[in-house]
Amino acid sequence: MSEHALSHVLIDPNRFNGEPYIRDTRFTVREILEMLARGRSTEEILEDHPPLRPVHIQAAAAFAVTLLEKQHGSHAASERLPEF
């Protein structure tokens, strides 16, 4: 898992009701994951939301995988995340 990508995710109980968010943006991890789940490509997300960079999309995905690993255990396949 990319520690660099994860360094872009912050949790502050005083911001976004404590939801994980992307450093120096107004986007939560959930918002980015929802855009991806609705079929938006990384390129579309970046075009529509200029403050975001590719590493931010990767950070949201990496955070979700890390959370799943903590809940359900680590699997070697999780190391093969798609590049964004």
PDB file of N, CA and C in Angstrom:
ATOM      1  N   MET A   1       0.857  -1.173   0.000  1.00  0.00           N
ATOM      2  CA  MET A   1       0.000   0.000   0.000  1.00  0.00           C
ATOM      3  C   MET A   1       0.896   1.227   0.000  1.00  0.00           C
ATOM      4  N   SER A   2       0.540   2.195  -0.774  1.00  0.00           N
ATOM      5  CA  SER A   2       1.363   3.393  -0.889  1.00  0.00           C
ATOM      6  C   SER A   2       1.192   4.310   0.317  1.00  0.00           C
ATOM      7  N   GLU A   3       2.248   4.381   1.120  1.00  0.00           N
ATOM      8  CA  GLU A   3       2.210   5.291   2.275  1.00  0.00           C
ATOM      9  C   GLU A   3       2.117   6.729   1.796  1.00  0.00           C
ATOM     10  N   HIS A   4       2.743   7.016   0.647  1.00  0.00           N
ATOM     11  CA  HIS A   4       2.666   8.377   0.107  1.00  0.00           C
ATOM     12  C   HIS A   4       1.212   8.745  -0.187  1.00  0.00           C
ATOM     13  N   ALA A   5       0.491   7.850  -0.819  1.00  0.00           N
ATOM     14  CA  ALA A   5      -0.918   8.133  -1.121  1.00  0.00           C
ATOM     15  C   ALA A   5      -1.709   8.310   0.165  1.00  0.00           C
ATOM     16  N   LEU A   6      -1.494   7.424   1.120  1.00  0.00           N
ATOM     17  CA  LEU A   6      -2.246   7.504   2.374  1.00  0.00           C
ATOM     18  C   LEU A   6      -1.929   8.769   3.161  1.00  0.00           C
ATOM     19  N   SER A   7      -0.770   9.355   2.932  1.00  0.00           N
ATOM     20  CA  SER A   7      -0.423  10.589   3.649  1.00  0.00           C
ATOM     21  C   SER A   7      -1.314  11.757   3.247  1.00  0.00           C
ATOM     22  N   HIS A   8      -2.057  11.602   2.167  1.00  0.00           N
ATOM     23  CA  HIS A   8      -2.971  12.651   1.718  1.00  0.00           C
ATOM     24  C   HIS A   8      -4.335  12.575   2.402  1.00  0.00           C
ATOM     25  N   VAL A   9      -4.577  11.507   3.149  1.00  0.00           N
ATOM     26  CA  VAL A   9      -5.864  11.335   3.829  1.00  0.00           C
ATOM     27  C   VAL A   9      -5.714  11.747   5.291  1.00  0.00           C
ATOM     28  N   LEU A  10      -6.609  12.629   5.722  1.00  0.00           N
ATOM     29  CA  LEU A  10      -6.609  13.097   7.106  1.00  0.00           C
ATOM     30  C   LEU A  10      -7.964  12.841   7.739  1.00  0.00           C
ATOM     31  N   ILE A  11      -7.969  12.717   9.053  1.00  0.00           N
ATOM     32  CA  ILE A  11      -9.215  12.619   9.815  1.00  0.00           C
ATOM     33  C   ILE A  11      -9.122  13.633  10.939  1.00  0.00           C
ATOM     34  N   ASP A  12     -10.086  14.530  10.960  1.00  0.00           N
ATOM     35  CA  ASP A  12     -10.134  15.576  11.985  1.00  0.00           C
ATOM     36  C   ASP A  12     -11.580  15.652  12.452  1.00  0.00           C
ATOM     37  N   PRO A  13     -11.841  15.415  13.732  1.00  0.00           N
ATOM     38  CA  PRO A  13     -13.223  15.429  14.214  1.00  0.00           C
ATOM     39  C   PRO A  13     -13.922  16.773  14.006  1.00  0.00           C
ATOM     40  N   ASN A  14     -13.156  17.820  13.754  1.00  0.00           N
ATOM     41  CA  ASN A  14     -13.735  19.150  13.549  1.00  0.00           C
ATOM     42  C   ASN A  14     -13.976  19.497  12.090  1.00  0.00           C
ATOM     43  N   ARG A  15     -13.638  18.605  11.192  1.00  0.00           N
ATOM     44  CA  ARG A  15     -13.860  18.846   9.760  1.00  0.00           C
ATOM     45  C   ARG A  15     -14.668  17.697   9.183  1.00  0.00           C
ATOM     46  N   PHE A  16     -15.627  18.022   8.357  1.00  0.00           N
ATOM     47  CA  PHE A  16     -16.431  17.020   7.644  1.00  0.00           C
ATOM     48  C   PHE A  16     -17.037  15.981   8.583  1.00  0.00           C
ATOM     49  N   ASN A  17     -17.447  16.416   9.755  1.00  0.00           N
ATOM     50  CA  ASN A  17     -18.044  15.513  10.748  1.00  0.00           C
ATOM     51  C   ASN A  17     -17.165  14.309  11.056  1.00  0.00           C
ATOM     52  N   GLY A  18     -15.867  14.499  10.984  1.00  0.00           N
ATOM     53  CA  GLY A  18     -14.940  13.421  11.305  1.00  0.00           C
ATOM     54  C   GLY A  18     -14.682  12.436  10.181  1.00  0.00           C
ATOM     55  N   GLU A  19     -15.276  12.677   9.006  1.00  0.00           N
ATOM     56  CA  GLU A  19     -15.037  11.772   7.871  1.00  0.00           C
ATOM     57  C   GLU A  19     -13.627  11.967   7.335  1.00  0.00           C
ATOM     58  N   PRO A  20     -12.997  10.899   6.865  1.00  0.00           N
ATOM     59  CA  PRO A  20     -11.685  11.039   6.238  1.00  0.00           C
ATOM     60  C   PRO A  20     -11.800  11.955   5.017  1.00  0.00           C
ATOM     61  N   TYR A  21     -10.825  12.833   4.864  1.00  0.00           N
ATOM     62  CA  TYR A  21     -10.842  13.760   3.735  1.00  0.00           C
ATOM     63  C   TYR A  21      -9.450  13.875   3.133  1.00  0.00           C
ATOM     64  N   ILE A  22      -9.396  14.476   1.957  1.00  0.00           N
ATOM     65  CA  ILE A  22      -8.135  14.645   1.248  1.00  0.00           C
ATOM     66  C   ILE A  22      -7.500  15.963   1.664  1.00  0.00           C
ATOM     67  N   ARG A  23      -6.275  15.883   2.117  1.00  0.00           N
ATOM     68  CA  ARG A  23      -5.518  17.050   2.590  1.00  0.00           C
ATOM     69  C   ARG A  23      -5.579  18.195   1.565  1.00  0.00           C
ATOM     70  N   ASP A  24      -5.760  19.400   2.072  1.00  0.00           N
ATOM     71  CA  ASP A  24      -5.756  20.629   1.262  1.00  0.00           C
ATOM     72  C   ASP A  24      -6.868  20.681   0.219  1.00  0.00           C
ATOM     73  N   THR A  25      -7.933  19.908   0.415  1.00  0.00           N
ATOM     74  CA  THR A  25      -9.098  19.985  -0.478  1.00  0.00           C
ATOM     75  C   THR A  25     -10.354  20.003   0.383  1.00  0.00           C
ATOM     76  N   ARG A  26     -11.478  20.146  -0.269  1.00  0.00           N
ATOM     77  CA  ARG A  26     -12.767  20.059   0.416  1.00  0.00           C
ATOM     78  C   ARG A  26     -13.496  18.774   0.032  1.00  0.00           C
ATOM     79  N   PHE A  27     -12.733  17.754  -0.291  1.00  0.00           N
ATOM     80  CA  PHE A  27     -13.307  16.485  -0.718  1.00  0.00           C
ATOM     81  C   PHE A  27     -13.062  15.408   0.326  1.00  0.00           C
ATOM     82  N   THR A  28     -14.133  14.670   0.633  1.00  0.00           N
ATOM     83  CA  THR A  28     -13.978  13.525   1.525  1.00  0.00           C
ATOM     84  C   THR A  28     -13.623  12.292   0.688  1.00  0.00           C
ATOM     85  N   VAL A  29     -13.069  11.315   1.361  1.00  0.00           N
ATOM     86  CA  VAL A  29     -12.773  10.043   0.708  1.00  0.00           C
ATOM     87  C   VAL A  29     -14.064   9.459   0.151  1.00  0.00           C
ATOM     88  N   ARG A  30     -15.134   9.557   0.920  1.00  0.00           N
ATOM     89  CA  ARG A  30     -16.424   9.019   0.477  1.00  0.00           C
ATOM     90  C   ARG A  30     -16.872   9.654  -0.845  1.00  0.00           C
ATOM     91  N   GLU A  31     -16.722  10.968  -0.975  1.00  0.00           N
ATOM     92  CA  GLU A  31     -17.146  11.642  -2.209  1.00  0.00           C
ATOM     93  C   GLU A  31     -16.382  11.113  -3.420  1.00  0.00           C
ATOM     94  N   ILE A  32     -15.098  10.933  -3.255  1.00  0.00           N
ATOM     95  CA  ILE A  32     -14.290  10.427  -4.369  1.00  0.00           C
ATOM     96  C   ILE A  32     -14.679   8.990  -4.702  1.00  0.00           C
ATOM     97  N   LEU A  33     -14.846   8.160  -3.681  1.00  0.00           N
ATOM     98  CA  LEU A  33     -15.241   6.772  -3.925  1.00  0.00           C
ATOM     99  C   LEU A  33     -16.619   6.689  -4.570  1.00  0.00           C
ATOM    100  N   GLU A  34     -17.532   7.564  -4.172  1.00  0.00           N
ATOM    101  CA  GLU A  34     -18.863   7.573  -4.784  1.00  0.00           C
ATOM    102  C   GLU A  34     -18.784   7.946  -6.260  1.00  0.00           C
ATOM    103  N   MET A  35     -17.929   8.914  -6.601  1.00  0.00           N
ATOM    104  CA  MET A  35     -17.777   9.278  -8.014  1.00  0.00           C
ATOM    105  C   MET A  35     -17.256   8.088  -8.810  1.00  0.00           C
ATOM    106  N   LEU A  36     -16.267   7.391  -8.266  1.00  0.00           N
ATOM    107  CA  LEU A  36     -15.731   6.208  -8.942  1.00  0.00           C
ATOM    108  C   LEU A  36     -16.793   5.118  -9.058  1.00  0.00           C
ATOM    109  N   ALA A  37     -17.558   4.911  -8.000  1.00  0.00           N
ATOM    110  CA  ALA A  37     -18.602   3.877  -8.002  1.00  0.00           C
ATOM    111  C   ALA A  37     -19.701   4.179  -9.015  1.00  0.00           C
ATOM    112  N   ARG A  38     -19.932   5.463  -9.289  1.00  0.00           N
ATOM    113  CA  ARG A  38     -20.937   5.846 -10.288  1.00  0.00           C
ATOM    114  C   ARG A  38     -20.395   5.754 -11.711  1.00  0.00           C
ATOM    115  N   GLY A  39     -19.152   5.282 -11.826  1.00  0.00           N
ATOM    116  CA  GLY A  39     -18.598   5.064 -13.157  1.00  0.00           C
ATOM    117  C   GLY A  39     -17.772   6.204 -13.712  1.00  0.00           C
ATOM    118  N   ARG A  40     -17.527   7.224 -12.899  1.00  0.00           N
ATOM    119  CA  ARG A  40     -16.696   8.328 -13.369  1.00  0.00           C
ATOM    120  C   ARG A  40     -15.255   7.852 -13.478  1.00  0.00           C
ATOM    121  N   SER A  41     -14.599   8.229 -14.548  1.00  0.00           N
ATOM    122  CA  SER A  41     -13.186   7.882 -14.694  1.00  0.00           C
ATOM    123  C   SER A  41     -12.340   8.870 -13.898  1.00  0.00           C
ATOM    124  N   THR A  42     -11.127   8.471 -13.619  1.00  0.00           N
ATOM    125  CA  THR A  42     -10.208   9.375 -12.929  1.00  0.00           C
ATOM    126  C   THR A  42     -10.059  10.668 -13.714  1.00  0.00           C
ATOM    127  N   GLU A  43      -9.931  10.554 -15.029  1.00  0.00           N
ATOM    128  CA  GLU A  43      -9.770  11.737 -15.870  1.00  0.00           C
ATOM    129  C   GLU A  43     -10.969  12.673 -15.753  1.00  0.00           C
ATOM    130  N   GLU A  44     -12.173  12.115 -15.744  1.00  0.00           N
ATOM    131  CA  GLU A  44     -13.378  12.948 -15.605  1.00  0.00           C
ATOM    132  C   GLU A  44     -13.412  13.650 -14.255  1.00  0.00           C
ATOM    133  N   ILE A  45     -13.074  12.929 -13.219  1.00  0.00           N
ATOM    134  CA  ILE A  45     -13.082  13.520 -11.878  1.00  0.00           C
ATOM    135  C   ILE A  45     -12.078  14.661 -11.805  1.00  0.00           C
ATOM    136  N   LEU A  46     -10.879  14.437 -12.315  1.00  0.00           N
ATOM    137  CA  LEU A  46      -9.845  15.471 -12.270  1.00  0.00           C
ATOM    138  C   LEU A  46     -10.225  16.683 -13.112  1.00  0.00           C
ATOM    139  N   GLU A  47     -10.846  16.444 -14.253  1.00  0.00           N
ATOM    140  CA  GLU A  47     -11.266  17.545 -15.125  1.00  0.00           C
ATOM    141  C   GLU A  47     -12.352  18.389 -14.460  1.00  0.00           C
ATOM    142  N   ASP A  48     -13.287  17.738 -13.803  1.00  0.00           N
ATOM    143  CA  ASP A  48     -14.405  18.449 -13.176  1.00  0.00           C
ATOM    144  C   ASP A  48     -14.047  19.068 -11.828  1.00  0.00           C
ATOM    145  N   HIS A  49     -12.978  18.602 -11.220  1.00  0.00           N
ATOM    146  CA  HIS A  49     -12.599  19.078  -9.879  1.00  0.00           C
ATOM    147  C   HIS A  49     -11.100  19.389  -9.856  1.00  0.00           C
ATOM    148  N   PRO A  50     -10.722  20.544 -10.426  1.00  0.00           N
ATOM    149  CA  PRO A  50      -9.303  20.888 -10.578  1.00  0.00           C
ATOM    150  C   PRO A  50      -8.443  20.832  -9.312  1.00  0.00           C
ATOM    151  N   PRO A  51      -8.982  21.016  -8.106  1.00  0.00           N
ATOM    152  CA  PRO A  51      -8.079  20.898  -6.956  1.00  0.00           C
ATOM    153  C   PRO A  51      -7.534  19.481  -6.765  1.00  0.00           C
ATOM    154  N   LEU A  52      -8.232  18.493  -7.319  1.00  0.00           N
ATOM    155  CA  LEU A  52      -7.809  17.102  -7.133  1.00  0.00           C
ATOM    156  C   LEU A  52      -6.701  16.734  -8.114  1.00  0.00           C
ATOM    157  N   ARG A  53      -5.808  15.850  -7.645  1.00  0.00           N
ATOM    158  CA  ARG A  53      -4.725  15.333  -8.472  1.00  0.00           C
ATOM    159  C   ARG A  53      -4.830  13.804  -8.484  1.00  0.00           C
ATOM    160  N   PRO A  54      -4.154  13.152  -9.416  1.00  0.00           N
ATOM    161  CA  PRO A  54      -4.239  11.686  -9.470  1.00  0.00           C
ATOM    162  C   PRO A  54      -3.915  11.004  -8.140  1.00  0.00           C
ATOM    163  N   VAL A  55      -2.950  11.527  -7.402  1.00  0.00           N
ATOM    164  CA  VAL A  55      -2.594  10.915  -6.122  1.00  0.00           C
ATOM    165  C   VAL A  55      -3.751  10.980  -5.130  1.00  0.00           C
ATOM    166  N   HIS A  56      -4.635  11.957  -5.265  1.00  0.00           N
ATOM    167  CA  HIS A  56      -5.786  12.058  -4.368  1.00  0.00           C
ATOM    168  C   HIS A  56      -6.782  10.925  -4.632  1.00  0.00           C
ATOM    169  N   ILE A  57      -6.961  10.594  -5.904  1.00  0.00           N
ATOM    170  CA  ILE A  57      -7.861   9.486  -6.250  1.00  0.00           C
ATOM    171  C   ILE A  57      -7.256   8.181  -5.723  1.00  0.00           C
ATOM    172  N   GLN A  58      -5.950   8.020  -5.926  1.00  0.00           N
ATOM    173  CA  GLN A  58      -5.259   6.838  -5.416  1.00  0.00           C
ATOM    174  C   GLN A  58      -5.358   6.778  -3.898  1.00  0.00           C
ATOM    175  N   ALA A  59      -5.249   7.914  -3.240  1.00  0.00           N
ATOM    176  CA  ALA A  59      -5.321   7.957  -1.775  1.00  0.00           C
ATOM    177  C   ALA A  59      -6.678   7.477  -1.274  1.00  0.00           C
ATOM    178  N   ALA A  60      -7.748   7.902  -1.938  1.00  0.00           N
ATOM    179  CA  ALA A  60      -9.088   7.476  -1.529  1.00  0.00           C
ATOM    180  C   ALA A  60      -9.229   5.959  -1.663  1.00  0.00           C
ATOM    181  N   ALA A  61      -8.752   5.417  -2.783  1.00  0.00           N
ATOM    182  CA  ALA A  61      -8.831   3.969  -2.990  1.00  0.00           C
ATOM    183  C   ALA A  61      -7.948   3.227  -1.987  1.00  0.00           C
ATOM    184  N   ALA A  62      -6.752   3.735  -1.751  1.00  0.00           N
ATOM    185  CA  ALA A  62      -5.835   3.096  -0.808  1.00  0.00           C
ATOM    186  C   ALA A  62      -6.405   3.114   0.605  1.00  0.00           C
ATOM    187  N   PHE A  63      -7.051   4.205   0.969  1.00  0.00           N
ATOM    188  CA  PHE A  63      -7.657   4.294   2.295  1.00  0.00           C
ATOM    189  C   PHE A  63      -8.759   3.247   2.438  1.00  0.00           C
ATOM    190  N   ALA A  64      -9.588   3.104   1.409  1.00  0.00           N
ATOM    191  CA  ALA A  64     -10.676   2.122   1.461  1.00  0.00           C
ATOM    192  C   ALA A  64     -10.120   0.704   1.594  1.00  0.00           C
ATOM    193  N   VAL A  65      -9.080   0.389   0.846  1.00  0.00           N
ATOM    194  CA  VAL A  65      -8.476  -0.942   0.924  1.00  0.00           C
ATOM    195  C   VAL A  65      -7.878  -1.172   2.307  1.00  0.00           C
ATOM    196  N   THR A  66      -7.204  -0.166   2.836  1.00  0.00           N
ATOM    197  CA  THR A  66      -6.611  -0.286   4.167  1.00  0.00           C
ATOM    198  C   THR A  66      -7.681  -0.548   5.217  1.00  0.00           C
ATOM    199  N   LEU A  67      -8.793   0.157   5.106  1.00  0.00           N
ATOM    200  CA  LEU A  67      -9.896  -0.037   6.044  1.00  0.00           C
ATOM    201  C   LEU A  67     -10.459  -1.453   5.939  1.00  0.00           C
ATOM    202  N   LEU A  68     -10.639  -1.939   4.716  1.00  0.00           N
ATOM    203  CA  LEU A  68     -11.128  -3.309   4.521  1.00  0.00           C
ATOM    204  C   LEU A  68     -10.141  -4.336   5.068  1.00  0.00           C
ATOM    205  N   GLU A  69      -8.857  -4.093   4.852  1.00  0.00           N
ATOM    206  CA  GLU A  69      -7.851  -5.016   5.375  1.00  0.00           C
ATOM    207  C   GLU A  69      -7.912  -5.087   6.894  1.00  0.00           C
ATOM    208  N   LYS A  70      -8.114  -3.953   7.531  1.00  0.00           N
ATOM    209  CA  LYS A  70      -8.196  -3.934   8.992  1.00  0.00           C
ATOM    210  C   LYS A  70      -9.424  -4.690   9.484  1.00  0.00           C
ATOM    211  N   GLN A  71     -10.508  -4.614   8.717  1.00  0.00           N
ATOM    212  CA  GLN A  71     -11.742  -5.285   9.127  1.00  0.00           C
ATOM    213  C   GLN A  71     -11.754  -6.765   8.773  1.00  0.00           C
ATOM    214  N   HIS A  72     -11.144  -7.116   7.642  1.00  0.00           N
ATOM    215  CA  HIS A  72     -11.276  -8.481   7.134  1.00  0.00           C
ATOM    216  C   HIS A  72      -9.953  -9.202   6.932  1.00  0.00           C
ATOM    217  N   GLY A  73      -8.863  -8.596   7.290  1.00  0.00           N
ATOM    218  CA  GLY A  73      -7.552  -9.220   7.116  1.00  0.00           C
ATOM    219  C   GLY A  73      -6.917  -8.844   5.799  1.00  0.00           C
ATOM    220  N   SER A  74      -5.617  -8.922   5.778  1.00  0.00           N
ATOM    221  CA  SER A  74      -4.844  -8.546   4.596  1.00  0.00           C
ATOM    222  C   SER A  74      -4.787  -9.703   3.605  1.00  0.00           C
ATOM    223  N   HIS A  75      -4.790  -9.375   2.331  1.00  0.00           N
ATOM    224  CA  HIS A  75      -4.667 -10.362   1.262  1.00  0.00           C
ATOM    225  C   HIS A  75      -3.626  -9.862   0.277  1.00  0.00           C
ATOM    226  N   ALA A  76      -2.861 -10.761  -0.269  1.00  0.00           N
ATOM    227  CA  ALA A  76      -1.814 -10.379  -1.213  1.00  0.00           C
ATOM    228  C   ALA A  76      -2.387  -9.635  -2.410  1.00  0.00           C
ATOM    229  N   ALA A  77      -3.603  -9.973  -2.821  1.00  0.00           N
ATOM    230  CA  ALA A  77      -4.206  -9.324  -3.985  1.00  0.00           C
ATOM    231  C   ALA A  77      -4.404  -7.833  -3.766  1.00  0.00           C
ATOM    232  N   SER A  78      -4.523  -7.416  -2.530  1.00  0.00           N
ATOM    233  CA  SER A  78      -4.755  -5.993  -2.265  1.00  0.00           C
ATOM    234  C   SER A  78      -3.558  -5.145  -2.656  1.00  0.00           C
ATOM    235  N   GLU A  79      -2.403  -5.754  -2.801  1.00  0.00           N
ATOM    236  CA  GLU A  79      -1.213  -5.011  -3.210  1.00  0.00           C
ATOM    237  C   GLU A  79      -1.240  -4.674  -4.695  1.00  0.00           C
ATOM    238  N   ARG A  80      -2.180  -5.248  -5.423  1.00  0.00           N
ATOM    239  CA  ARG A  80      -2.256  -5.001  -6.860  1.00  0.00           C
ATOM    240  C   ARG A  80      -3.371  -4.014  -7.177  1.00  0.00           C
ATOM    241  N   LEU A  81      -3.315  -2.856  -6.571  1.00  0.00           N
ATOM    242  CA  LEU A  81      -4.302  -1.816  -6.852  1.00  0.00           C
ATOM    243  C   LEU A  81      -4.082  -1.258  -8.248  1.00  0.00           C
ATOM    244  N   PRO A  82      -5.148  -0.877  -8.931  1.00  0.00           N
ATOM    245  CA  PRO A  82      -4.960  -0.253 -10.246  1.00  0.00           C
ATOM    246  C   PRO A  82      -4.302   1.108 -10.087  1.00  0.00           C
ATOM    247  N   GLU A  83      -3.513   1.481 -11.070  1.00  0.00           N
ATOM    248  CA  GLU A  83      -2.903   2.812 -11.070  1.00  0.00           C
ATOM    249  C   GLU A  83      -3.930   3.820 -11.556  1.00  0.00           C
ATOM    250  N   PHE A  84      -3.983   4.940 -10.903  1.00  0.00           N
ATOM    251  CA  PHE A  84      -4.915   6.001 -11.293  1.00  0.00           C
ATOM    252  C   PHE A  84      -4.160   7.140 -11.913  1.00  0.00           C
TER     253      PHE A  84
END
